[in-house]
Amino acid sequence: MNLCRIKGEFASEELAELAAGRIRRSIGQVRSIRIRKLGKALPSLNGRQRFTMLPANLRMENYATDVLLSEISDTALPEHWYRKSAELTVICAGEAFGQVSAVMQSLGALQIRPV
């Protein structure tokens, strides 16, 4: 049996896990599946300050600004900043390459390539 290794990058780890599950359930010629997180961890933002400058028009001639300071906590960051991309590697029979790449592509994989 001729083995083939396929790699693809997903926007999030959840999509890579979903693709791995679909490949495992629907394609019988799979030897192994591995998911690797990509990207760096975010540094902690606790204790830092955020400032906002507010313009104010006084008497329609001069502009003045006011600065608002506030603490930043890690819980205030949007969820998509925590998401990391992931790489899915599948080792399967050479005949299953088309099926595996089709499943990966249907779930949004980028840079699908045989290695």
Protein backbone atom coordinates (compact mmCIF):
# COMPACT_ATOMS: atom_id res chain seq x y z
CA MET A 1 0.00 0.00 0.00
CA ASN A 2 1.33 3.43 -1.00
CA LEU A 3 1.09 5.94 1.89
CA CYS A 4 0.63 9.67 1.47
CA ARG A 5 0.94 12.58 3.96
CA ILE A 6 -1.39 15.59 3.54
CA LYS A 7 -1.13 18.90 5.41
CA GLY A 8 -3.61 21.77 5.54
CA GLU A 9 -3.96 24.92 7.64
CA PHE A 10 -7.23 25.90 9.30
CA ALA A 11 -8.29 29.26 10.72
CA SER A 12 -9.06 27.74 14.13
CA GLU A 13 -8.33 24.62 16.11
CA GLU A 14 -12.05 23.80 16.25
CA LEU A 15 -12.27 23.56 12.44
CA ALA A 16 -9.22 21.28 12.35
CA GLU A 17 -10.80 19.00 14.96
CA LEU A 18 -14.05 18.93 13.00
CA ALA A 19 -12.20 17.97 9.82
CA ALA A 20 -10.24 15.27 11.67
CA GLY A 21 -13.45 13.75 12.97
CA ARG A 22 -15.09 13.75 9.55
CA ILE A 23 -12.03 12.21 7.92
CA ARG A 24 -11.80 9.53 10.62
CA ARG A 25 -15.51 8.62 10.27
CA SER A 26 -15.90 8.75 6.49
CA ILE A 27 -12.56 7.52 5.08
CA GLY A 28 -11.39 4.06 6.09
CA GLN A 29 -7.84 4.20 4.70
CA VAL A 30 -6.44 6.65 7.28
CA ARG A 31 -3.38 5.63 9.32
CA SER A 32 -2.96 8.66 11.60
CA ILE A 33 -4.25 12.20 12.16
CA ARG A 34 -2.37 14.94 14.02
CA ILE A 35 -3.40 18.51 14.90
CA ARG A 36 -0.75 21.12 15.72
CA LYS A 37 -1.53 24.62 16.98
CA LEU A 38 0.08 27.48 15.07
CA GLY A 39 0.78 31.02 16.19
CA LYS A 40 2.06 32.57 19.37
CA ALA A 41 0.30 33.01 22.67
CA LEU A 42 -0.98 36.47 23.48
CA PRO A 43 0.92 38.36 26.17
CA SER A 44 -1.04 39.19 29.31
CA LEU A 45 -2.59 42.63 29.24
CA ASN A 46 -3.44 42.85 32.94
CA GLY A 47 -2.17 46.04 34.54
CA ARG A 48 -1.83 47.99 31.30
CA GLN A 49 -3.79 51.14 30.58
CA ARG A 50 -5.81 52.20 27.57
CA PHE A 51 -6.33 55.83 26.80
CA THR A 52 -8.93 57.53 24.64
CA MET A 53 -8.71 61.12 23.45
CA LEU A 54 -12.01 62.96 23.18
CA PRO A 55 -12.08 66.13 21.06
CA ALA A 56 -14.22 68.99 22.33
CA ASN A 57 -15.08 72.17 20.43
CA LEU A 58 -15.16 75.21 22.69
CA ARG A 59 -16.86 78.35 21.34
CA MET A 60 -16.38 77.13 17.76
CA GLU A 61 -12.82 78.53 17.62
CA ASN A 62 -10.46 76.35 19.62
CA TYR A 63 -10.29 72.61 20.04
CA ALA A 64 -9.45 70.99 23.33
CA THR A 65 -9.02 67.32 24.09
CA ASP A 66 -9.70 65.24 27.13
CA VAL A 67 -7.95 61.97 27.90
CA LEU A 68 -9.75 59.05 29.53
CA LEU A 69 -7.60 56.34 31.14
CA SER A 70 -8.87 52.85 31.95
CA GLU A 71 -7.33 49.54 33.01
CA ILE A 72 -7.25 46.66 30.53
CA SER A 73 -8.02 43.14 31.69
CA ASP A 74 -7.64 39.90 29.75
CA THR A 75 -11.38 39.25 29.99
CA ALA A 76 -12.13 42.39 27.98
CA LEU A 77 -10.45 41.13 24.81
CA PRO A 78 -12.68 39.88 21.98
CA GLU A 79 -12.88 36.10 21.60
CA HIS A 80 -11.38 36.02 18.10
CA TRP A 81 -8.07 37.36 19.49
CA TYR A 82 -7.70 34.15 21.49
CA ARG A 83 -8.23 31.87 18.51
CA LYS A 84 -5.17 30.34 16.92
CA SER A 85 -4.81 28.68 13.57
CA ALA A 86 -4.02 24.98 13.42
CA GLU A 87 -2.35 22.56 11.03
CA LEU A 88 -3.91 19.17 10.30
CA THR A 89 -1.66 16.34 9.11
CA VAL A 90 -3.22 13.14 7.77
CA ILE A 91 -1.33 9.99 6.78
CA CYS A 92 -3.47 7.83 4.54
CA ALA A 93 -3.38 5.51 1.53
CA GLY A 94 -2.47 7.20 -1.75
CA GLU A 95 -5.89 6.37 -3.22
CA ALA A 96 -7.64 8.38 -0.47
CA PHE A 97 -5.75 11.63 -1.20
CA GLY A 98 -8.64 13.11 -3.19
CA GLN A 99 -11.23 12.30 -0.54
CA VAL A 100 -9.14 13.63 2.34
CA SER A 101 -8.28 16.86 0.54
CA ALA A 102 -11.95 17.33 -0.42
CA VAL A 103 -13.06 17.05 3.22
CA MET A 104 -10.33 19.44 4.32
CA GLN A 105 -11.22 21.94 1.61
CA SER A 106 -14.94 21.77 2.43
CA LEU A 107 -14.16 22.90 5.99
CA GLY A 108 -12.00 25.83 4.92
CA ALA A 109 -8.46 24.44 4.90
CA LEU A 110 -5.83 26.56 3.19
CA GLN A 111 -2.54 25.46 1.63
CA ILE A 112 -3.50 21.81 1.26
CA ARG A 113 -0.41 19.99 0.07
CA PRO A 114 1.09 16.53 -0.03
CA VAL A 115 4.32 16.27 1.95
